[in-house]
Amino acid sequence: MSNLDQSLDEIISAAPKRSNRKNRRGASAAGNGGVQKATPAAPKAGTPKNKQQKQQQQKKVAAIVNPIDEAKKLASKVIISNLPQDIGEDAIRDYFKTEIGPISACTMVYNKGGHPAGIVNVTFKRQGDAAKAADKFNGTSIDRGKRYMKVELVYDPSKTPLSARLQPKPEPAPAKATVNAAAKAKQQQQQQQKKKATKPKPKKAPKKTVEQLDAEMADYFQD
């Protein structure tokens, strides 16, 4: 029977299956009681070698201040949208005043027909309350998931505090001249010690005999 007379299922079932060499190796190792050792992961580039270097890196990262984050902390206004038309600004004012903090202004946005557009602008009296409201209520479900409230933070990126504009003072690098001088002095000291160790000691003069001493005394008195 040719392939043209066979169905697709018969052609697929008759086709030889490819064996997975890796699976067969693993099965044979397991059947023989062998254990395949996992290849240790290579260390990532830039990983600190000890805890001290890791702590220094964490301090440097913590010292970096993001100006945008600092500007968001100073914001006091949010735009609340995707609200049902039956929710008015009084309900929003009372709710956010209770949940977040005192409010200085709360205004509803209306469409061209004079109906509520489901958008309310809220201004808090305290800095930081706007960011708190956005973090807490953005994406909150309304009417059991029929819609989700959107709370957007309004902030001015140009108004950044002094702490965000300052940068930490860089750590002074070790003086190369001092390090080189200390190494050179140590090297000279080692060379001097080697010279002293290899320098031959002076030979002592041999002791004179009694006859030699008597001869020298006789010569001295004769002169």
Protein backbone atom coordinates (compact mmCIF):
# COMPACT_ATOMS: atom_id res chain seq x y z
CA MET A 1 0.00 0.00 0.00
CA SER A 2 1.38 3.40 -0.97
CA ASN A 3 1.38 6.50 1.19
CA LEU A 4 -1.38 7.98 -0.99
CA ASP A 5 -3.79 5.22 0.05
CA GLN A 6 -3.07 5.64 3.78
CA SER A 7 -4.78 8.10 6.11
CA LEU A 8 -2.90 10.87 7.97
CA ASP A 9 -3.15 8.99 11.27
CA GLU A 10 -1.63 5.86 9.70
CA ILE A 11 1.24 7.84 8.20
CA ILE A 12 2.01 9.48 11.56
CA SER A 13 1.84 6.18 13.48
CA ALA A 14 4.06 4.46 10.94
CA ALA A 15 6.69 7.19 11.00
CA PRO A 16 9.78 6.28 13.11
CA LYS A 17 10.01 8.17 16.38
CA ARG A 18 13.17 10.07 17.19
CA SER A 19 14.86 8.97 20.32
CA ASN A 20 16.12 11.52 22.79
CA ARG A 21 19.70 10.68 23.63
CA LYS A 22 19.69 12.86 26.72
CA ASN A 23 16.61 11.10 28.12
CA ARG A 24 18.10 7.67 27.40
CA ARG A 25 21.33 8.63 29.16
CA GLY A 26 19.39 9.87 32.17
CA ALA A 27 17.24 6.72 32.26
CA SER A 28 20.26 4.42 31.99
CA ALA A 29 22.03 6.29 34.75
CA ALA A 30 18.98 6.06 37.00
CA GLY A 31 18.51 2.38 36.20
CA ASN A 32 22.14 1.61 37.08
CA GLY A 33 21.83 3.43 40.37
CA GLY A 34 23.87 6.37 39.13
CA VAL A 35 23.15 9.95 40.06
CA GLN A 36 23.56 12.75 37.58
CA LYS A 37 25.27 15.71 39.17
CA ALA A 38 23.88 19.11 38.35
CA THR A 39 26.33 21.46 36.70
CA PRO A 40 27.12 24.31 39.12
CA ALA A 41 25.92 27.67 37.90
CA ALA A 42 28.65 30.06 36.88
CA PRO A 43 28.99 33.12 39.16
CA LYS A 44 27.37 36.20 37.76
CA ALA A 45 29.57 39.05 36.65
CA GLY A 46 29.88 41.81 39.20
CA THR A 47 28.88 39.60 42.17
CA PRO A 48 30.62 40.82 45.36
CA LYS A 49 33.19 38.39 46.73
CA ASN A 50 32.43 39.05 50.38
CA LYS A 51 29.83 40.61 52.64
CA GLN A 52 31.79 43.83 53.04
CA GLN A 53 31.71 44.59 49.31
CA LYS A 54 28.00 43.73 49.19
CA GLN A 55 27.26 46.12 52.04
CA GLN A 56 29.24 48.89 50.35
CA GLN A 57 27.26 48.41 47.14
CA GLN A 58 23.97 48.52 49.07
CA LYS A 59 25.01 51.77 50.76
CA LYS A 60 25.87 53.36 47.41
CA VAL A 61 22.51 52.34 45.92
CA ALA A 62 20.62 53.60 48.98
CA ALA A 63 22.43 56.94 48.77
CA ILE A 64 21.16 57.54 45.22
CA VAL A 65 17.93 59.56 45.32
CA ASN A 66 15.50 59.46 42.39
CA PRO A 67 14.21 63.01 41.70
CA ILE A 68 10.93 61.69 40.25
CA ASP A 69 10.21 59.63 43.35
CA GLU A 70 10.93 62.61 45.56
CA ALA A 71 8.64 64.82 43.45
CA LYS A 72 5.85 62.26 43.78
CA LYS A 73 6.22 62.34 47.56
CA LEU A 74 5.64 66.11 47.53
CA ALA A 75 2.51 65.86 45.33
CA SER A 76 -0.85 66.74 46.89
CA LYS A 77 -3.30 66.18 44.00
CA VAL A 78 -4.88 63.13 42.37
CA ILE A 79 -7.33 62.62 39.49
CA ILE A 80 -9.92 59.91 40.21
CA SER A 81 -11.63 58.57 37.09
CA ASN A 82 -13.80 55.72 35.76
CA LEU A 83 -16.40 56.40 38.45
CA PRO A 84 -20.13 55.61 38.09
CA GLN A 85 -22.29 58.67 37.36
CA ASP A 86 -24.24 58.24 40.59
CA ILE A 87 -21.11 58.88 42.70
CA GLY A 88 -20.75 62.60 43.39
CA GLU A 89 -17.89 64.71 44.69
CA ASP A 90 -19.34 64.72 48.22
CA ALA A 91 -19.10 60.95 48.41
CA ILE A 92 -15.50 61.05 47.13
CA ARG A 93 -14.56 63.84 49.57
CA ASP A 94 -15.97 62.03 52.58
CA TYR A 95 -14.47 58.69 51.67
CA PHE A 96 -10.92 59.88 50.94
CA LYS A 97 -10.97 62.23 53.92
CA THR A 98 -11.69 59.26 56.15
CA GLU A 99 -9.29 56.83 54.47
CA ILE A 100 -6.36 59.16 53.65
CA GLY A 101 -6.51 62.59 55.28
CA PRO A 102 -7.82 66.17 55.17
CA ILE A 103 -8.82 67.54 51.76
CA SER A 104 -8.53 71.15 50.63
CA ALA A 105 -10.43 70.84 47.32
CA CYS A 106 -12.67 68.30 45.58
CA THR A 107 -14.26 69.09 42.21
CA MET A 108 -16.32 66.98 39.82
CA VAL A 109 -15.75 67.12 36.04
CA TYR A 110 -18.91 67.36 33.89
CA ASN A 111 -19.39 66.52 30.21
CA LYS A 112 -20.92 68.77 27.56
CA GLY A 113 -24.43 67.68 28.51
CA GLY A 114 -23.91 68.76 32.11
CA HIS A 115 -23.76 65.20 33.45
CA PRO A 116 -20.96 63.88 35.68
CA ALA A 117 -18.11 62.51 33.60
CA GLY A 118 -17.01 60.11 36.33
CA ILE A 119 -13.87 62.19 37.04
CA VAL A 120 -13.06 63.99 40.30
CA ASN A 121 -10.01 66.14 41.10
CA VAL A 122 -8.94 65.85 44.74
CA THR A 123 -6.31 68.02 46.45
CA PHE A 124 -5.04 67.00 49.88
CA LYS A 125 -3.79 69.38 52.54
CA ARG A 126 -0.76 67.29 53.45
CA GLN A 127 2.13 66.38 51.19
CA GLY A 128 2.45 62.68 50.66
CA ASP A 129 -1.27 61.92 51.05
CA ALA A 130 -1.78 62.03 47.27
CA ALA A 131 0.88 59.35 46.70
CA LYS A 132 -0.67 57.31 49.50
CA ALA A 133 -4.11 57.52 47.89
CA ALA A 134 -2.76 56.51 44.48
CA ASP A 135 -0.88 53.52 45.88
CA LYS A 136 -3.84 52.34 47.94
CA PHE A 137 -6.85 52.85 45.67
CA ASN A 138 -5.62 52.78 42.07
CA GLY A 139 -7.29 49.78 40.40
CA THR A 140 -9.86 49.28 43.16
CA SER A 141 -12.92 47.31 42.07
CA ILE A 142 -16.31 49.09 42.00
CA ASP A 143 -19.65 47.27 42.06
CA ARG A 144 -18.06 43.83 42.29
CA GLY A 145 -15.75 44.17 39.32
CA LYS A 146 -18.05 45.98 36.90
CA ARG A 147 -15.44 48.74 36.69
CA TYR A 148 -12.16 49.68 38.33
CA MET A 149 -11.38 53.05 39.82
CA LYS A 150 -8.34 54.83 38.43
CA VAL A 151 -6.34 57.12 40.74
CA GLU A 152 -3.61 59.10 38.99
CA LEU A 153 -1.01 61.15 40.83
CA VAL A 154 -0.47 64.73 39.65
CA TYR A 155 3.05 66.02 40.34
CA ASP A 156 5.51 68.58 38.99
CA PRO A 157 8.86 66.96 38.03
CA SER A 158 10.62 70.33 38.25
CA LYS A 159 9.79 70.68 41.95
CA THR A 160 12.36 68.41 43.48
CA PRO A 161 13.68 68.79 47.05
CA LEU A 162 17.27 69.58 47.87
CA SER A 163 17.90 65.99 49.01
CA ALA A 164 17.21 64.77 45.46
CA ARG A 165 19.53 67.33 43.91
CA LEU A 166 22.51 66.56 46.13
CA GLN A 167 24.84 63.69 45.40
CA PRO A 168 26.89 61.77 47.97
CA LYS A 169 30.52 62.74 48.25
CA PRO A 170 32.71 60.18 46.43
CA GLU A 171 35.09 58.16 48.54
CA PRO A 172 38.73 59.26 48.14
CA ALA A 173 40.88 56.84 46.21
CA PRO A 174 44.04 55.57 47.92
CA ALA A 175 47.14 57.62 47.00
CA LYS A 176 49.26 55.62 44.57
CA ALA A 177 52.45 57.49 45.48
CA THR A 178 52.16 56.48 49.13
CA VAL A 179 51.52 52.85 48.25
CA ASN A 180 54.44 52.75 45.82
CA ALA A 181 56.82 54.40 48.33
CA ALA A 182 55.93 51.87 51.03
CA ALA A 183 56.44 48.97 48.63
CA LYS A 184 59.80 50.36 47.48
CA ALA A 185 61.02 50.81 51.07
CA LYS A 186 60.04 47.26 51.91
CA GLN A 187 61.85 45.96 48.84
CA GLN A 188 65.04 47.87 49.77
CA GLN A 189 64.88 46.47 53.30
CA GLN A 190 64.63 42.93 51.97
CA GLN A 191 67.61 43.49 49.66
CA GLN A 192 69.73 44.80 52.54
CA GLN A 193 68.85 41.75 54.62
CA LYS A 194 69.90 39.46 51.77
CA LYS A 195 73.24 41.29 51.42
CA LYS A 196 73.95 40.92 55.13
CA ALA A 197 73.16 37.24 54.98
CA THR A 198 75.47 36.61 51.99
CA LYS A 199 78.37 38.86 53.12
CA PRO A 200 81.37 36.68 54.25
CA LYS A 201 82.50 37.14 57.84
CA PRO A 202 86.11 38.40 58.35
CA LYS A 203 88.60 35.69 59.19
CA LYS A 204 90.20 35.86 62.62
CA ALA A 205 93.99 36.19 62.78
CA PRO A 206 95.72 33.03 64.02
CA LYS A 207 97.02 33.12 67.57
CA LYS A 208 100.77 33.76 67.94
CA THR A 209 103.05 31.34 69.70
CA VAL A 210 105.19 32.18 72.77
CA GLU A 211 108.33 32.24 70.67
CA GLN A 212 106.78 34.74 68.25
CA LEU A 213 105.71 37.00 71.12
CA ASP A 214 109.25 36.84 72.68
CA ALA A 215 110.79 37.70 69.32
CA GLU A 216 108.53 40.71 68.92
CA MET A 217 109.38 41.93 72.45
CA ALA A 218 113.11 41.57 71.76
CA ASP A 219 112.79 43.54 68.53
CA TYR A 220 110.82 46.26 70.37
CA PHE A 221 113.46 46.77 73.09
CA GLN A 222 116.33 46.71 70.62
CA ASP A 223 114.74 49.55 68.65
